[in-house]
Amino acid sequence: MTVAPPLQDADTGPAERACARCGAPLAADQEWCLECGGARTVIHPTPNRRVPVVILGLVVAAALTAFVLVLAKLSSDVNQRAARLAATPTTPTTPTTPTTPTTATTTPTPTTTAAPPPRTSNGTPLEVWPPGLSGWTVVLATTTTEAQAQTTAQQIASNGYRVGILDSSQHPPLKPGAWIVFTGRYPTQVRAEQVVTLFQALGHPQAAARLVGRAGE
């Protein structure tokens, strides 16, 4: 025998619900509590999208700042390295005694590599012009007496440069009647002019290239 389920009353409506906040009864279609104003469902706040944008902006700004600092450091290193190379002289090779030319000789092409000024330690005796040879040199000072030339040469040599003095009257085509403080002997005027440029940059604006003939000519 089958038992039929009990019939609901026709007047019975949907079951009422209670407010989760204050416990007041809520109708089935009621979204807000009339007692406390609370919502029946949880309302999630709108996410704040400005925070990720601000963080991204800070990261980009930091990356750009680091890039600029790296470029500035590289530029500074390159400039300092170029200045050291231009101002650091090295000892030139000792000139060799010229040999007898053969029939098939060629004219050497002057080098364009800058020849640095010769250097020596403090206290080294002053240089003398090689006897029987001519060539180009760099004149650093011109005086009227040998004593003045020796004093000037010692002052320059105290900075580490190898210098010497000579009597211009003994070495044509120099103008006679003067004592000259010189540095180095070079085979060409181009080579001597390169050394002149370096000495002028080192604080000797009077430096000049001059041709020195053999003594007694």
N, C-alpha and C. Protein backbone atom coordinates (compact mmCIF):
# COMPACT_ATOMS: atom_id res chain seq x y z
N MET A 1 0.85 -1.19 0.00
CA MET A 1 0.00 0.00 0.00
C MET A 1 0.89 1.24 0.00
N THR A 2 0.66 2.16 -0.88
CA THR A 2 1.47 3.37 -1.06
C THR A 2 0.93 4.51 -0.25
N VAL A 3 1.88 5.18 0.48
CA VAL A 3 1.48 6.30 1.32
C VAL A 3 1.77 7.59 0.58
N ALA A 4 0.79 8.40 0.38
CA ALA A 4 0.94 9.68 -0.36
C ALA A 4 1.57 10.72 0.55
N PRO A 5 2.44 11.56 -0.01
CA PRO A 5 3.05 12.65 0.80
C PRO A 5 2.01 13.65 1.21
N PRO A 6 2.26 14.32 2.34
CA PRO A 6 1.28 15.31 2.80
C PRO A 6 1.23 16.49 1.88
N LEU A 7 0.07 17.00 1.67
CA LEU A 7 -0.14 18.14 0.79
C LEU A 7 0.16 19.43 1.55
N GLN A 8 0.85 20.37 0.86
CA GLN A 8 1.11 21.68 1.45
C GLN A 8 -0.12 22.56 1.33
N ASP A 9 -0.26 23.45 2.28
CA ASP A 9 -1.37 24.38 2.23
C ASP A 9 -1.16 25.32 1.07
N ALA A 10 -2.20 25.69 0.45
CA ALA A 10 -2.14 26.59 -0.71
C ALA A 10 -1.64 27.95 -0.32
N ASP A 11 -1.83 28.34 0.99
CA ASP A 11 -1.44 29.69 1.38
C ASP A 11 0.01 29.76 1.84
N THR A 12 0.68 28.57 1.93
CA THR A 12 2.07 28.59 2.42
C THR A 12 3.01 29.12 1.35
N GLY A 13 3.75 30.15 1.60
CA GLY A 13 4.66 30.78 0.63
C GLY A 13 6.09 30.29 0.82
N PRO A 14 6.98 30.86 0.08
CA PRO A 14 8.40 30.49 0.21
C PRO A 14 8.89 30.76 1.62
N ALA A 15 9.86 29.94 2.06
CA ALA A 15 10.40 30.07 3.42
C ALA A 15 11.14 31.38 3.58
N GLU A 16 10.97 32.02 4.72
CA GLU A 16 11.65 33.27 4.98
C GLU A 16 13.09 33.02 5.37
N ARG A 17 13.93 34.05 5.13
CA ARG A 17 15.35 33.98 5.48
C ARG A 17 15.65 35.06 6.51
N ALA A 18 16.75 34.87 7.24
CA ALA A 18 17.14 35.82 8.29
C ALA A 18 18.38 36.58 7.85
N CYS A 19 18.48 37.83 8.31
CA CYS A 19 19.64 38.67 8.00
C CYS A 19 20.84 38.12 8.76
N ALA A 20 21.93 37.93 8.04
CA ALA A 20 23.14 37.38 8.67
C ALA A 20 23.79 38.37 9.62
N ARG A 21 23.35 39.62 9.57
CA ARG A 21 23.98 40.66 10.38
C ARG A 21 23.23 40.89 11.70
N CYS A 22 21.87 41.05 11.57
CA CYS A 22 21.10 41.35 12.80
C CYS A 22 20.05 40.29 13.11
N GLY A 23 19.81 39.33 12.21
CA GLY A 23 18.87 38.26 12.46
C GLY A 23 17.43 38.59 12.09
N ALA A 24 17.15 39.77 11.53
CA ALA A 24 15.80 40.15 11.13
C ALA A 24 15.36 39.29 9.95
N PRO A 25 14.04 38.96 9.88
CA PRO A 25 13.56 38.11 8.78
C PRO A 25 13.64 38.85 7.44
N LEU A 26 13.95 38.07 6.36
CA LEU A 26 14.05 38.61 5.00
C LEU A 26 13.17 37.80 4.10
N ALA A 27 12.49 38.48 3.18
CA ALA A 27 11.69 37.79 2.17
C ALA A 27 12.62 37.14 1.16
N ALA A 28 12.08 36.23 0.34
CA ALA A 28 12.90 35.49 -0.62
C ALA A 28 13.53 36.41 -1.64
N ASP A 29 12.79 37.46 -2.01
CA ASP A 29 13.31 38.37 -3.04
C ASP A 29 13.89 39.64 -2.43
N GLN A 30 14.11 39.66 -1.10
CA GLN A 30 14.62 40.86 -0.45
C GLN A 30 16.14 40.80 -0.39
N GLU A 31 16.81 41.83 -0.96
CA GLU A 31 18.27 41.86 -1.02
C GLU A 31 18.88 42.64 0.13
N TRP A 32 18.11 43.56 0.73
CA TRP A 32 18.67 44.41 1.80
C TRP A 32 17.80 44.28 3.05
N CYS A 33 18.47 44.32 4.18
CA CYS A 33 17.77 44.24 5.46
C CYS A 33 17.21 45.61 5.80
N LEU A 34 15.87 45.62 6.15
CA LEU A 34 15.23 46.89 6.47
C LEU A 34 15.59 47.37 7.88
N GLU A 35 16.19 46.49 8.70
CA GLU A 35 16.51 46.86 10.07
C GLU A 35 17.91 47.48 10.19
N CYS A 36 18.90 46.79 9.59
CA CYS A 36 20.29 47.27 9.74
C CYS A 36 20.90 47.75 8.45
N GLY A 37 20.19 47.51 7.32
CA GLY A 37 20.72 47.96 6.03
C GLY A 37 21.76 47.03 5.44
N GLY A 38 21.99 45.88 6.06
CA GLY A 38 23.00 44.96 5.54
C GLY A 38 22.49 44.23 4.31
N ALA A 39 23.41 43.84 3.43
CA ALA A 39 23.06 43.12 2.22
C ALA A 39 22.99 41.63 2.50
N ARG A 40 22.08 40.98 1.78
CA ARG A 40 21.95 39.54 2.00
C ARG A 40 23.14 38.78 1.42
N THR A 41 23.69 39.29 0.30
CA THR A 41 24.86 38.65 -0.31
C THR A 41 26.10 39.49 -0.02
N VAL A 42 27.26 38.85 -0.07
CA VAL A 42 28.53 39.54 0.20
C VAL A 42 28.90 40.39 -1.01
N ILE A 43 29.20 41.66 -0.74
CA ILE A 43 29.60 42.58 -1.82
C ILE A 43 31.11 42.75 -1.76
N HIS A 44 31.78 42.37 -2.80
CA HIS A 44 33.24 42.49 -2.85
C HIS A 44 33.62 43.88 -3.36
N PRO A 45 34.59 44.51 -2.74
CA PRO A 45 35.00 45.85 -3.21
C PRO A 45 35.67 45.79 -4.58
N THR A 46 35.56 46.89 -5.29
CA THR A 46 36.19 46.97 -6.62
C THR A 46 37.70 46.97 -6.47
N PRO A 47 38.39 46.09 -7.19
CA PRO A 47 39.86 46.03 -7.05
C PRO A 47 40.50 47.36 -7.46
N ASN A 48 41.53 47.75 -6.72
CA ASN A 48 42.27 48.98 -7.01
C ASN A 48 43.33 48.69 -8.07
N ARG A 49 43.12 49.22 -9.27
CA ARG A 49 44.04 48.98 -10.37
C ARG A 49 45.17 49.99 -10.43
N ARG A 50 45.15 50.99 -9.57
CA ARG A 50 46.21 52.00 -9.63
C ARG A 50 47.52 51.49 -9.04
N VAL A 51 47.44 50.57 -8.07
CA VAL A 51 48.66 50.09 -7.42
C VAL A 51 49.59 49.39 -8.41
N PRO A 52 49.12 48.42 -9.25
CA PRO A 52 50.05 47.81 -10.22
C PRO A 52 50.65 48.83 -11.18
N VAL A 53 49.87 49.84 -11.59
CA VAL A 53 50.39 50.85 -12.51
C VAL A 53 51.51 51.65 -11.87
N VAL A 54 51.33 52.01 -10.60
CA VAL A 54 52.36 52.77 -9.89
C VAL A 54 53.63 51.94 -9.75
N ILE A 55 53.48 50.64 -9.39
CA ILE A 55 54.65 49.77 -9.24
C ILE A 55 55.40 49.63 -10.56
N LEU A 56 54.64 49.45 -11.67
CA LEU A 56 55.28 49.32 -12.98
C LEU A 56 56.04 50.59 -13.34
N GLY A 57 55.44 51.75 -13.03
CA GLY A 57 56.13 53.01 -13.32
C GLY A 57 57.43 53.15 -12.55
N LEU A 58 57.41 52.74 -11.27
CA LEU A 58 58.64 52.81 -10.47
C LEU A 58 59.72 51.89 -11.01
N VAL A 59 59.34 50.70 -11.46
CA VAL A 59 60.33 49.76 -12.03
C VAL A 59 60.94 50.32 -13.29
N VAL A 60 60.11 50.90 -14.18
CA VAL A 60 60.63 51.48 -15.42
C VAL A 60 61.56 52.65 -15.12
N ALA A 61 61.17 53.51 -14.17
CA ALA A 61 62.01 54.66 -13.82
C ALA A 61 63.36 54.21 -13.27
N ALA A 62 63.35 53.17 -12.43
CA ALA A 62 64.62 52.67 -11.88
C ALA A 62 65.50 52.10 -12.97
N ALA A 63 64.91 51.38 -13.94
CA ALA A 63 65.70 50.82 -15.04
C ALA A 63 66.32 51.91 -15.90
N LEU A 64 65.55 52.97 -16.20
CA LEU A 64 66.09 54.07 -17.00
C LEU A 64 67.21 54.79 -16.26
N THR A 65 67.05 54.99 -14.94
CA THR A 65 68.10 55.65 -14.16
C THR A 65 69.38 54.84 -14.17
N ALA A 66 69.27 53.51 -14.01
CA ALA A 66 70.46 52.66 -14.03
C ALA A 66 71.14 52.69 -15.39
N PHE A 67 70.33 52.73 -16.47
CA PHE A 67 70.90 52.78 -17.83
C PHE A 67 71.68 54.07 -18.05
N VAL A 68 71.12 55.19 -17.59
CA VAL A 68 71.81 56.48 -17.75
C VAL A 68 73.11 56.50 -16.96
N LEU A 69 73.10 55.96 -15.74
CA LEU A 69 74.32 55.93 -14.93
C LEU A 69 75.40 55.08 -15.58
N VAL A 70 75.00 53.94 -16.18
CA VAL A 70 75.99 53.08 -16.85
C VAL A 70 76.61 53.80 -18.04
N LEU A 71 75.80 54.50 -18.84
CA LEU A 71 76.33 55.25 -19.99
C LEU A 71 77.29 56.33 -19.53
N ALA A 72 76.94 57.05 -18.46
CA ALA A 72 77.82 58.11 -17.95
C ALA A 72 79.13 57.54 -17.46
N LYS A 73 79.09 56.38 -16.78
CA LYS A 73 80.33 55.76 -16.30
C LYS A 73 81.21 55.32 -17.45
N LEU A 74 80.62 54.71 -18.49
CA LEU A 74 81.40 54.27 -19.65
C LEU A 74 82.05 55.46 -20.35
N SER A 75 81.30 56.55 -20.51
CA SER A 75 81.84 57.74 -21.17
C SER A 75 82.99 58.32 -20.38
N SER A 76 82.86 58.35 -19.03
CA SER A 76 83.94 58.88 -18.19
C SER A 76 85.19 58.02 -18.28
N ASP A 77 85.02 56.68 -18.29
CA ASP A 77 86.17 55.79 -18.38
C ASP A 77 86.91 55.97 -19.69
N VAL A 78 86.15 56.11 -20.81
CA VAL A 78 86.78 56.28 -22.12
C VAL A 78 87.58 57.58 -22.17
N ASN A 79 87.00 58.67 -21.65
CA ASN A 79 87.70 59.97 -21.68
C ASN A 79 88.96 59.93 -20.83
N GLN A 80 88.91 59.31 -19.65
CA GLN A 80 90.09 59.23 -18.80
C GLN A 80 91.17 58.37 -19.44
N ARG A 81 90.78 57.27 -20.11
CA ARG A 81 91.78 56.42 -20.76
C ARG A 81 92.46 57.14 -21.91
N ALA A 82 91.69 57.92 -22.69
CA ALA A 82 92.27 58.67 -23.80
C ALA A 82 93.22 59.74 -23.30
N ALA A 83 92.87 60.41 -22.17
CA ALA A 83 93.76 61.44 -21.62
C ALA A 83 95.05 60.83 -21.12
N ARG A 84 94.99 59.64 -20.48
CA ARG A 84 96.21 59.01 -19.99
C ARG A 84 97.12 58.58 -21.13
N LEU A 85 96.53 58.05 -22.21
CA LEU A 85 97.33 57.63 -23.36
C LEU A 85 98.01 58.81 -24.03
N ALA A 86 97.33 59.97 -24.07
CA ALA A 86 97.91 61.14 -24.74
C ALA A 86 99.01 61.77 -23.90
N ALA A 87 98.94 61.65 -22.56
CA ALA A 87 99.90 62.34 -21.70
C ALA A 87 101.01 61.43 -21.18
N THR A 88 100.94 60.11 -21.43
CA THR A 88 101.96 59.20 -20.92
C THR A 88 103.01 58.95 -21.98
N PRO A 89 104.21 59.49 -21.81
CA PRO A 89 105.26 59.26 -22.81
C PRO A 89 105.98 57.95 -22.55
N THR A 90 106.58 57.41 -23.59
CA THR A 90 107.40 56.21 -23.50
C THR A 90 108.76 56.50 -24.08
N THR A 91 109.73 55.66 -23.74
CA THR A 91 111.09 55.89 -24.20
C THR A 91 111.22 55.49 -25.66
N PRO A 92 111.68 56.40 -26.54
CA PRO A 92 111.83 56.06 -27.96
C PRO A 92 113.04 55.17 -28.16
N THR A 93 113.09 54.50 -29.29
CA THR A 93 114.21 53.63 -29.60
C THR A 93 115.45 54.46 -29.89
N THR A 94 116.62 53.90 -29.55
CA THR A 94 117.88 54.59 -29.78
C THR A 94 118.20 54.60 -31.26
N PRO A 95 118.51 55.78 -31.84
CA PRO A 95 118.80 55.83 -33.27
C PRO A 95 120.05 55.03 -33.61
N THR A 96 119.98 54.31 -34.69
CA THR A 96 121.11 53.49 -35.13
C THR A 96 121.99 54.27 -36.07
N THR A 97 123.26 53.86 -36.16
CA THR A 97 124.20 54.51 -37.06
C THR A 97 123.83 54.21 -38.49
N PRO A 98 123.70 55.24 -39.34
CA PRO A 98 123.30 55.00 -40.72
C PRO A 98 124.33 54.15 -41.46
N THR A 99 123.83 53.22 -42.27
CA THR A 99 124.70 52.35 -43.06
C THR A 99 124.84 52.89 -44.46
N THR A 100 125.83 52.37 -45.17
CA THR A 100 126.06 52.81 -46.54
C THR A 100 124.92 52.36 -47.42
N PRO A 101 124.24 53.29 -48.12
CA PRO A 101 123.09 52.88 -48.94
C PRO A 101 123.52 52.07 -50.14
N THR A 102 122.69 51.15 -50.52
CA THR A 102 122.94 50.35 -51.72
C THR A 102 122.38 51.06 -52.93
N THR A 103 122.55 50.46 -54.08
CA THR A 103 122.11 51.09 -55.34
C THR A 103 120.61 51.23 -55.36
N ALA A 104 119.91 50.16 -54.97
CA ALA A 104 118.44 50.20 -55.00
C ALA A 104 117.94 50.62 -53.63
N THR A 105 117.87 51.90 -53.41
CA THR A 105 117.39 52.43 -52.14
C THR A 105 116.02 53.06 -52.34
N THR A 106 115.25 53.05 -51.31
CA THR A 106 113.92 53.66 -51.35
C THR A 106 113.84 54.71 -50.26
N THR A 107 113.08 55.73 -50.51
CA THR A 107 112.91 56.80 -49.53
C THR A 107 111.91 56.35 -48.47
N PRO A 108 112.30 56.31 -47.21
CA PRO A 108 111.36 55.87 -46.16
C PRO A 108 110.21 56.85 -46.02
N THR A 109 109.04 56.29 -45.77
CA THR A 109 107.85 57.10 -45.57
C THR A 109 107.79 57.54 -44.11
N PRO A 110 107.69 58.85 -43.82
CA PRO A 110 107.62 59.31 -42.42
C PRO A 110 106.44 58.67 -41.70
N THR A 111 106.71 58.19 -40.51
CA THR A 111 105.63 57.60 -39.73
C THR A 111 104.73 58.67 -39.15
N THR A 112 103.47 58.31 -38.95
CA THR A 112 102.51 59.27 -38.39
C THR A 112 102.22 58.97 -36.92
N THR A 113 102.91 57.94 -36.37
CA THR A 113 102.68 57.61 -34.97
C THR A 113 103.35 58.65 -34.08
N ALA A 114 102.62 59.17 -33.12
CA ALA A 114 103.16 60.21 -32.25
C ALA A 114 104.30 59.64 -31.41
N ALA A 115 105.46 60.32 -31.46
CA ALA A 115 106.61 59.90 -30.66
C ALA A 115 106.60 60.63 -29.33
N PRO A 116 106.47 59.93 -28.22
CA PRO A 116 106.40 60.60 -26.91
C PRO A 116 107.76 61.19 -26.54
N PRO A 117 107.79 62.20 -25.69
CA PRO A 117 109.06 62.80 -25.27
C PRO A 117 109.87 61.83 -24.46
N PRO A 118 111.21 61.84 -24.60
CA PRO A 118 112.05 60.93 -23.80
C PRO A 118 111.99 61.28 -22.33
N ARG A 119 112.06 60.27 -21.49
CA ARG A 119 111.98 60.47 -20.05
C ARG A 119 113.20 59.86 -19.39
N THR A 120 113.59 60.36 -18.22
CA THR A 120 114.69 59.83 -17.46
C THR A 120 114.42 60.08 -15.98
N SER A 121 115.15 59.45 -15.11
CA SER A 121 114.98 59.66 -13.67
C SER A 121 115.71 60.92 -13.23
N ASN A 122 115.33 61.44 -12.07
CA ASN A 122 115.97 62.65 -11.54
C ASN A 122 117.45 62.39 -11.27
N GLY A 123 118.27 63.42 -11.50
CA GLY A 123 119.69 63.31 -11.21
C GLY A 123 120.52 62.77 -12.36
N THR A 124 119.90 62.35 -13.46
CA THR A 124 120.66 61.85 -14.60
C THR A 124 121.40 63.00 -15.27
N PRO A 125 122.69 62.82 -15.66
CA PRO A 125 123.43 63.90 -16.33
C PRO A 125 122.73 64.36 -17.60
N LEU A 126 122.94 65.62 -17.95
CA LEU A 126 122.33 66.17 -19.14
C LEU A 126 122.88 65.50 -20.39
N GLU A 127 122.04 65.40 -21.42
CA GLU A 127 122.43 64.78 -22.67
C GLU A 127 123.35 65.71 -23.47
N VAL A 128 124.14 65.10 -24.35
CA VAL A 128 124.96 65.86 -25.29
C VAL A 128 124.56 65.48 -26.70
N TRP A 129 124.70 66.42 -27.62
CA TRP A 129 124.34 66.13 -29.01
C TRP A 129 125.37 65.15 -29.60
N PRO A 130 124.90 64.09 -30.29
CA PRO A 130 125.84 63.10 -30.83
C PRO A 130 126.82 63.76 -31.81
N PRO A 131 128.12 63.58 -31.62
CA PRO A 131 129.10 64.21 -32.51
C PRO A 131 129.04 63.62 -33.92
N GLY A 132 129.19 64.48 -34.90
CA GLY A 132 129.20 64.04 -36.28
C GLY A 132 127.85 63.70 -36.87
N LEU A 133 126.76 63.98 -36.15
CA LEU A 133 125.42 63.65 -36.64
C LEU A 133 124.56 64.91 -36.70
N SER A 134 123.64 64.91 -37.61
CA SER A 134 122.63 65.97 -37.69
C SER A 134 121.26 65.35 -37.52
N GLY A 135 120.25 66.18 -37.34
CA GLY A 135 118.89 65.67 -37.20
C GLY A 135 117.97 66.74 -36.64
N TRP A 136 116.73 66.35 -36.47
CA TRP A 136 115.72 67.26 -35.92
C TRP A 136 115.62 67.04 -34.41
N THR A 137 115.39 68.12 -33.69
CA THR A 137 115.22 68.03 -32.25
C THR A 137 114.08 68.94 -31.82
N VAL A 138 113.74 68.87 -30.54
CA VAL A 138 112.70 69.72 -29.97
C VAL A 138 113.38 70.69 -29.01
N VAL A 139 113.31 71.98 -29.32
CA VAL A 139 113.89 73.02 -28.48
C VAL A 139 112.87 73.40 -27.41
N LEU A 140 113.27 73.27 -26.14
CA LEU A 140 112.37 73.60 -25.03
C LEU A 140 112.63 74.98 -24.45
N ALA A 141 113.86 75.50 -24.59
CA ALA A 141 114.18 76.83 -24.07
C ALA A 141 115.42 77.34 -24.77
N THR A 142 115.53 78.67 -24.87
CA THR A 142 116.69 79.33 -25.46
C THR A 142 117.18 80.40 -24.49
N THR A 143 118.48 80.35 -24.13
CA THR A 143 119.04 81.31 -23.19
C THR A 143 120.27 81.96 -23.82
N THR A 144 120.79 82.99 -23.13
CA THR A 144 121.95 83.71 -23.65
C THR A 144 123.26 83.20 -23.07
N THR A 145 123.21 82.45 -21.95
CA THR A 145 124.43 81.94 -21.33
C THR A 145 124.29 80.44 -21.07
N GLU A 146 125.45 79.81 -20.97
CA GLU A 146 125.47 78.37 -20.69
C GLU A 146 124.93 78.07 -19.29
N ALA A 147 125.23 78.97 -18.33
CA ALA A 147 124.74 78.74 -16.96
C ALA A 147 123.23 78.76 -16.89
N GLN A 148 122.61 79.72 -17.60
CA GLN A 148 121.14 79.78 -17.62
C GLN A 148 120.57 78.52 -18.28
N ALA A 149 121.22 78.06 -19.34
CA ALA A 149 120.74 76.85 -20.02
C ALA A 149 120.83 75.63 -19.11
N GLN A 150 121.92 75.51 -18.34
CA GLN A 150 122.05 74.38 -17.43
C GLN A 150 120.99 74.41 -16.33
N THR A 151 120.73 75.61 -15.79
CA THR A 151 119.70 75.72 -14.74
C THR A 151 118.32 75.33 -15.27
N THR A 152 117.99 75.84 -16.46
CA THR A 152 116.69 75.51 -17.06
C THR A 152 116.59 74.03 -17.37
N ALA A 153 117.66 73.45 -17.88
CA ALA A 153 117.66 72.03 -18.22
C ALA A 153 117.48 71.17 -16.97
N GLN A 154 118.14 71.52 -15.87
CA GLN A 154 117.99 70.76 -14.63
C GLN A 154 116.56 70.84 -14.10
N GLN A 155 115.92 72.00 -14.25
CA GLN A 155 114.53 72.13 -13.80
C GLN A 155 113.62 71.22 -14.60
N ILE A 156 113.83 71.17 -15.90
CA ILE A 156 112.98 70.31 -16.74
C ILE A 156 113.29 68.84 -16.47
N ALA A 157 114.58 68.52 -16.29
CA ALA A 157 114.96 67.13 -16.02
C ALA A 157 114.42 66.64 -14.69
N SER A 158 114.19 67.56 -13.74
CA SER A 158 113.64 67.14 -12.44
C SER A 158 112.23 66.59 -12.56
N ASN A 159 111.56 66.87 -13.67
CA ASN A 159 110.22 66.31 -13.92
C ASN A 159 110.29 64.96 -14.61
N GLY A 160 111.52 64.46 -14.87
CA GLY A 160 111.66 63.12 -15.43
C GLY A 160 111.94 63.09 -16.91
N TYR A 161 112.26 64.20 -17.55
CA TYR A 161 112.52 64.23 -18.98
C TYR A 161 114.02 64.26 -19.25
N ARG A 162 114.45 63.56 -20.31
CA ARG A 162 115.85 63.55 -20.69
C ARG A 162 116.12 64.74 -21.60
N VAL A 163 116.95 65.66 -21.16
CA VAL A 163 117.22 66.88 -21.91
C VAL A 163 118.72 67.13 -21.94
N GLY A 164 119.14 68.00 -22.83
CA GLY A 164 120.53 68.38 -22.93
C GLY A 164 120.64 69.83 -23.37
N ILE A 165 121.88 70.35 -23.44
CA ILE A 165 122.11 71.72 -23.90
C ILE A 165 123.15 71.70 -25.01
N LEU A 166 123.08 72.69 -25.89
CA LEU A 166 124.07 72.81 -26.96
C LEU A 166 124.25 74.28 -27.32
N ASP A 167 125.42 74.56 -27.87
CA ASP A 167 125.77 75.91 -28.32
C ASP A 167 125.31 76.06 -29.76
N SER A 168 124.36 76.96 -29.99
CA SER A 168 123.81 77.12 -31.34
C SER A 168 124.87 77.57 -32.33
N SER A 169 125.92 78.24 -31.86
CA SER A 169 126.97 78.71 -32.77
C SER A 169 127.75 77.55 -33.38
N GLN A 170 127.71 76.37 -32.74
CA GLN A 170 128.46 75.22 -33.22
C GLN A 170 127.63 74.31 -34.13
N HIS A 171 126.34 74.61 -34.27
CA HIS A 171 125.47 73.70 -35.02
C HIS A 171 124.58 74.49 -35.99
N PRO A 172 125.11 74.84 -37.16
CA PRO A 172 124.25 75.46 -38.16
C PRO A 172 123.20 74.43 -38.62
N PRO A 173 122.05 74.84 -39.11
CA PRO A 173 121.65 76.23 -39.41
C PRO A 173 120.99 76.97 -38.24
N LEU A 174 121.27 76.56 -36.99
CA LEU A 174 120.74 77.30 -35.86
C LEU A 174 121.34 78.70 -35.82
N LYS A 175 120.54 79.64 -35.30
CA LYS A 175 121.02 81.01 -35.18
C LYS A 175 122.10 81.07 -34.11
N PRO A 176 123.29 81.57 -34.42
CA PRO A 176 124.39 81.57 -33.45
C PRO A 176 124.14 82.55 -32.30
N GLY A 177 124.93 82.36 -31.24
CA GLY A 177 124.86 83.28 -30.11
C GLY A 177 123.87 82.91 -29.04
N ALA A 178 123.42 81.66 -29.00
CA ALA A 178 122.44 81.25 -27.99
C ALA A 178 122.78 79.85 -27.48
N TRP A 179 122.31 79.58 -26.28
CA TRP A 179 122.41 78.25 -25.68
C TRP A 179 121.00 77.66 -25.65
N ILE A 180 120.88 76.43 -26.12
CA ILE A 180 119.57 75.81 -26.34
C ILE A 180 119.41 74.59 -25.45
N VAL A 181 118.24 74.49 -24.82
CA VAL A 181 117.85 73.29 -24.09
C VAL A 181 117.00 72.44 -25.03
N PHE A 182 117.48 71.22 -25.33
CA PHE A 182 116.80 70.38 -26.32
C PHE A 182 116.44 69.04 -25.70
N THR A 183 115.57 68.30 -26.39
CA THR A 183 115.24 66.93 -26.00
C THR A 183 115.07 66.08 -27.25
N GLY A 184 115.80 64.98 -27.33
CA GLY A 184 115.64 64.01 -28.40
C GLY A 184 116.30 64.39 -29.70
N ARG A 185 116.52 63.38 -30.54
CA ARG A 185 117.02 63.56 -31.91
C ARG A 185 116.15 62.68 -32.80
N TYR A 186 115.56 63.29 -33.85
CA TYR A 186 114.57 62.61 -34.68
C TYR A 186 114.97 62.70 -36.15
N PRO A 187 114.67 61.67 -36.92
CA PRO A 187 115.12 61.65 -38.32
C PRO A 187 114.34 62.58 -39.24
N THR A 188 113.12 62.95 -38.86
CA THR A 188 112.30 63.79 -39.73
C THR A 188 111.65 64.91 -38.95
N GLN A 189 111.26 65.95 -39.65
CA GLN A 189 110.57 67.07 -39.01
C GLN A 189 109.20 66.63 -38.51
N VAL A 190 108.54 65.73 -39.25
CA VAL A 190 107.21 65.26 -38.83
C VAL A 190 107.29 64.61 -37.45
N ARG A 191 108.31 63.79 -37.25
CA ARG A 191 108.44 63.12 -35.95
C ARG A 191 108.70 64.15 -34.84
N ALA A 192 109.55 65.12 -35.12
CA ALA A 192 109.83 66.14 -34.11
C ALA A 192 108.59 66.98 -33.79
N GLU A 193 107.78 67.30 -34.81
CA GLU A 193 106.57 68.09 -34.58
C GLU A 193 105.58 67.34 -33.70
N GLN A 194 105.54 66.02 -33.81
CA GLN A 194 104.65 65.24 -32.95
C GLN A 194 105.07 65.35 -31.49
N VAL A 195 106.38 65.35 -31.23
CA VAL A 195 106.86 65.51 -29.86
C VAL A 195 106.59 66.93 -29.36
N VAL A 196 106.69 67.91 -30.26
CA VAL A 196 106.39 69.31 -29.90
C VAL A 196 104.96 69.41 -29.38
N THR A 197 104.03 68.77 -30.07
CA THR A 197 102.62 68.82 -29.66
C THR A 197 102.44 68.26 -28.24
N LEU A 198 103.12 67.17 -27.94
CA LEU A 198 102.99 66.57 -26.61
C LEU A 198 103.59 67.47 -25.53
N PHE A 199 104.76 68.07 -25.81
CA PHE A 199 105.37 68.94 -24.81
C PHE A 199 104.54 70.20 -24.58
N GLN A 200 103.93 70.73 -25.63
CA GLN A 200 103.08 71.89 -25.45
C GLN A 200 101.87 71.55 -24.57
N ALA A 201 101.35 70.35 -24.74
CA ALA A 201 100.21 69.93 -23.90
C ALA A 201 100.65 69.69 -22.45
N LEU A 202 101.95 69.43 -22.23
CA LEU A 202 102.46 69.18 -20.88
C LEU A 202 102.95 70.44 -20.20
N GLY A 203 102.70 71.61 -20.79
CA GLY A 203 103.04 72.86 -20.13
C GLY A 203 104.29 73.54 -20.64
N HIS A 204 104.70 73.24 -21.89
CA HIS A 204 105.86 73.90 -22.50
C HIS A 204 105.43 74.55 -23.82
N PRO A 205 104.71 75.67 -23.75
CA PRO A 205 104.18 76.28 -24.99
C PRO A 205 105.27 76.78 -25.91
N GLN A 206 106.51 76.99 -25.40
CA GLN A 206 107.58 77.50 -26.24
C GLN A 206 108.27 76.38 -27.03
N ALA A 207 107.90 75.14 -26.86
CA ALA A 207 108.54 74.03 -27.56
C ALA A 207 108.41 74.19 -29.06
N ALA A 208 109.51 73.89 -29.81
CA ALA A 208 109.51 74.04 -31.26
C ALA A 208 110.48 73.04 -31.87
N ALA A 209 110.21 72.61 -33.10
CA ALA A 209 111.08 71.70 -33.82
C ALA A 209 112.15 72.49 -34.57
N ARG A 210 113.42 72.04 -34.44
CA ARG A 210 114.54 72.73 -35.11
C ARG A 210 115.49 71.68 -35.70
N LEU A 211 116.08 72.06 -36.84
CA LEU A 211 117.08 71.22 -37.50
C LEU A 211 118.45 71.56 -36.95
N VAL A 212 119.17 70.54 -36.46
CA VAL A 212 120.51 70.75 -35.90
C VAL A 212 121.52 70.07 -36.83
N GLY A 213 122.48 70.89 -37.33
CA GLY A 213 123.52 70.34 -38.21
C GLY A 213 124.67 69.74 -37.43
N ARG A 214 125.57 69.08 -38.15
CA ARG A 214 126.76 68.53 -37.51
C ARG A 214 127.65 69.65 -36.97
N ALA A 215 128.27 69.40 -35.85
CA ALA A 215 129.11 70.43 -35.23
C ALA A 215 130.27 70.80 -36.13
N GLY A 216 130.51 72.10 -36.28
CA GLY A 216 131.64 72.57 -37.06
C GLY A 216 131.37 72.76 -38.53
N GLU A 217 130.16 72.44 -39.02
CA GLU A 217 129.88 72.63 -40.42
C GLU A 217 129.80 74.10 -40.79
